[in-house]
Amino acid sequence: MKKKNKQIIENFNSVKFMRDVRDKISREIQDMNFEEIKNYFENRKSNLVVKV
């Protein structure tokens, strides 16, 4: 099996990144009802592209 080359991003703080993303999502959905939140995450999931 061939090893994958992993790209390392210097000075990347994963904890800060996760907190920033979580806070951004929290701000965006804070005034939404359940149906709006459900649609928000469905749309977000469909717009994300996973690189393999």
N, C-alpha and C. Protein backbone atom coordinates (compact mmCIF):
# COMPACT_ATOMS: atom_id res chain seq x y z
N MET A 1 0.85 -1.18 0.00
CA MET A 1 0.00 0.00 0.00
C MET A 1 0.88 1.24 0.00
N LYS A 2 0.50 2.19 -0.79
CA LYS A 2 1.28 3.41 -0.93
C LYS A 2 0.93 4.39 0.19
N LYS A 3 1.97 5.00 0.76
CA LYS A 3 1.73 5.99 1.82
C LYS A 3 1.30 7.31 1.19
N LYS A 4 0.38 7.96 1.85
CA LYS A 4 -0.07 9.26 1.38
C LYS A 4 0.84 10.34 1.93
N ASN A 5 1.14 11.31 1.10
CA ASN A 5 1.92 12.46 1.56
C ASN A 5 0.99 13.37 2.35
N LYS A 6 1.41 13.70 3.53
CA LYS A 6 0.60 14.59 4.36
C LYS A 6 1.22 15.97 4.34
N GLN A 7 0.39 16.93 4.08
CA GLN A 7 0.85 18.30 4.06
C GLN A 7 0.64 18.89 5.44
N ILE A 8 1.69 19.46 5.99
CA ILE A 8 1.61 20.05 7.32
C ILE A 8 1.56 21.57 7.17
N ILE A 9 0.61 22.16 7.83
CA ILE A 9 0.49 23.61 7.82
C ILE A 9 1.12 24.13 9.10
N GLU A 10 2.19 24.88 8.93
CA GLU A 10 2.88 25.39 10.11
C GLU A 10 2.03 26.44 10.81
N ASN A 11 2.15 26.48 12.11
CA ASN A 11 1.44 27.44 12.96
C ASN A 11 -0.08 27.30 12.89
N PHE A 12 -0.55 26.13 12.54
CA PHE A 12 -1.99 25.89 12.50
C PHE A 12 -2.43 25.43 13.88
N ASN A 13 -3.37 26.16 14.44
CA ASN A 13 -3.88 25.83 15.77
C ASN A 13 -5.27 25.21 15.60
N SER A 14 -5.32 23.90 15.72
CA SER A 14 -6.57 23.19 15.47
C SER A 14 -7.66 23.53 16.49
N VAL A 15 -7.27 23.76 17.73
CA VAL A 15 -8.25 24.09 18.77
C VAL A 15 -8.87 25.45 18.47
N LYS A 16 -8.05 26.43 18.12
CA LYS A 16 -8.57 27.76 17.78
C LYS A 16 -9.46 27.68 16.54
N PHE A 17 -9.04 26.92 15.55
CA PHE A 17 -9.84 26.76 14.33
C PHE A 17 -11.21 26.18 14.66
N MET A 18 -11.24 25.13 15.45
CA MET A 18 -12.51 24.48 15.81
C MET A 18 -13.40 25.44 16.58
N ARG A 19 -12.84 26.17 17.50
CA ARG A 19 -13.63 27.13 18.28
C ARG A 19 -14.19 28.23 17.38
N ASP A 20 -13.38 28.72 16.45
CA ASP A 20 -13.84 29.77 15.53
C ASP A 20 -14.99 29.28 14.66
N VAL A 21 -14.87 28.07 14.14
CA VAL A 21 -15.93 27.51 13.29
C VAL A 21 -17.20 27.31 14.10
N ARG A 22 -17.05 26.74 15.29
CA ARG A 22 -18.21 26.50 16.15
C ARG A 22 -18.91 27.81 16.52
N ASP A 23 -18.12 28.84 16.85
CA ASP A 23 -18.70 30.13 17.21
C ASP A 23 -19.41 30.78 16.02
N LYS A 24 -18.82 30.64 14.83
CA LYS A 24 -19.44 31.20 13.63
C LYS A 24 -20.79 30.54 13.36
N ILE A 25 -20.83 29.23 13.45
CA ILE A 25 -22.09 28.50 13.23
C ILE A 25 -23.11 28.89 14.30
N SER A 26 -22.67 29.01 15.53
CA SER A 26 -23.59 29.39 16.62
C SER A 26 -24.21 30.75 16.37
N ARG A 27 -23.40 31.70 15.90
CA ARG A 27 -23.93 33.04 15.60
C ARG A 27 -24.93 32.98 14.45
N GLU A 28 -24.63 32.17 13.44
CA GLU A 28 -25.51 32.09 12.27
C GLU A 28 -26.86 31.45 12.57
N ILE A 29 -26.90 30.52 13.49
CA ILE A 29 -28.15 29.79 13.74
C ILE A 29 -28.88 30.22 15.01
N GLN A 30 -28.37 31.19 15.72
CA GLN A 30 -28.93 31.53 17.03
C GLN A 30 -30.40 31.95 16.98
N ASP A 31 -30.83 32.59 15.91
CA ASP A 31 -32.22 33.06 15.85
C ASP A 31 -33.11 32.19 14.96
N MET A 32 -32.63 31.01 14.59
CA MET A 32 -33.39 30.13 13.71
C MET A 32 -34.24 29.16 14.51
N ASN A 33 -35.36 28.77 13.91
CA ASN A 33 -36.16 27.70 14.52
C ASN A 33 -35.62 26.35 14.06
N PHE A 34 -36.22 25.27 14.54
CA PHE A 34 -35.70 23.94 14.26
C PHE A 34 -35.64 23.63 12.76
N GLU A 35 -36.69 23.96 12.03
CA GLU A 35 -36.72 23.67 10.59
C GLU A 35 -35.63 24.45 9.85
N GLU A 36 -35.43 25.70 10.22
CA GLU A 36 -34.39 26.50 9.58
C GLU A 36 -33.00 25.94 9.88
N ILE A 37 -32.79 25.50 11.11
CA ILE A 37 -31.50 24.91 11.48
C ILE A 37 -31.27 23.62 10.70
N LYS A 38 -32.30 22.82 10.58
CA LYS A 38 -32.20 21.57 9.83
C LYS A 38 -31.82 21.85 8.37
N ASN A 39 -32.48 22.83 7.77
CA ASN A 39 -32.16 23.21 6.39
C ASN A 39 -30.75 23.78 6.28
N TYR A 40 -30.35 24.55 7.26
CA TYR A 40 -29.01 25.14 7.28
C TYR A 40 -27.95 24.03 7.19
N PHE A 41 -28.09 23.01 8.02
CA PHE A 41 -27.09 21.95 8.04
C PHE A 41 -27.18 21.05 6.81
N GLU A 42 -28.36 20.86 6.27
CA GLU A 42 -28.48 20.09 5.02
C GLU A 42 -27.79 20.81 3.88
N ASN A 43 -28.00 22.13 3.79
CA ASN A 43 -27.35 22.91 2.74
C ASN A 43 -25.85 22.98 2.95
N ARG A 44 -25.44 23.12 4.17
CA ARG A 44 -24.01 23.20 4.48
C ARG A 44 -23.32 21.89 4.12
N LYS A 45 -23.96 20.78 4.44
CA LYS A 45 -23.39 19.47 4.14
C LYS A 45 -23.26 19.27 2.64
N SER A 46 -24.26 19.69 1.89
CA SER A 46 -24.22 19.49 0.44
C SER A 46 -23.21 20.41 -0.24
N ASN A 47 -22.86 21.52 0.40
CA ASN A 47 -21.90 22.45 -0.19
C ASN A 47 -20.45 22.12 0.14
N LEU A 48 -20.24 21.28 1.13
CA LEU A 48 -18.87 20.92 1.50
C LEU A 48 -18.36 19.83 0.57
N VAL A 49 -17.12 19.99 0.17
CA VAL A 49 -16.50 19.00 -0.70
C VAL A 49 -15.37 18.35 0.08
N VAL A 50 -15.36 17.04 0.10
CA VAL A 50 -14.33 16.31 0.83
C VAL A 50 -13.26 15.87 -0.16
N LYS A 51 -12.01 16.23 0.12
CA LYS A 51 -10.90 15.81 -0.74
C LYS A 51 -10.37 14.48 -0.24
N VAL A 52 -10.20 13.56 -1.17
CA VAL A 52 -9.68 12.25 -0.80
C VAL A 52 -8.34 12.03 -1.44
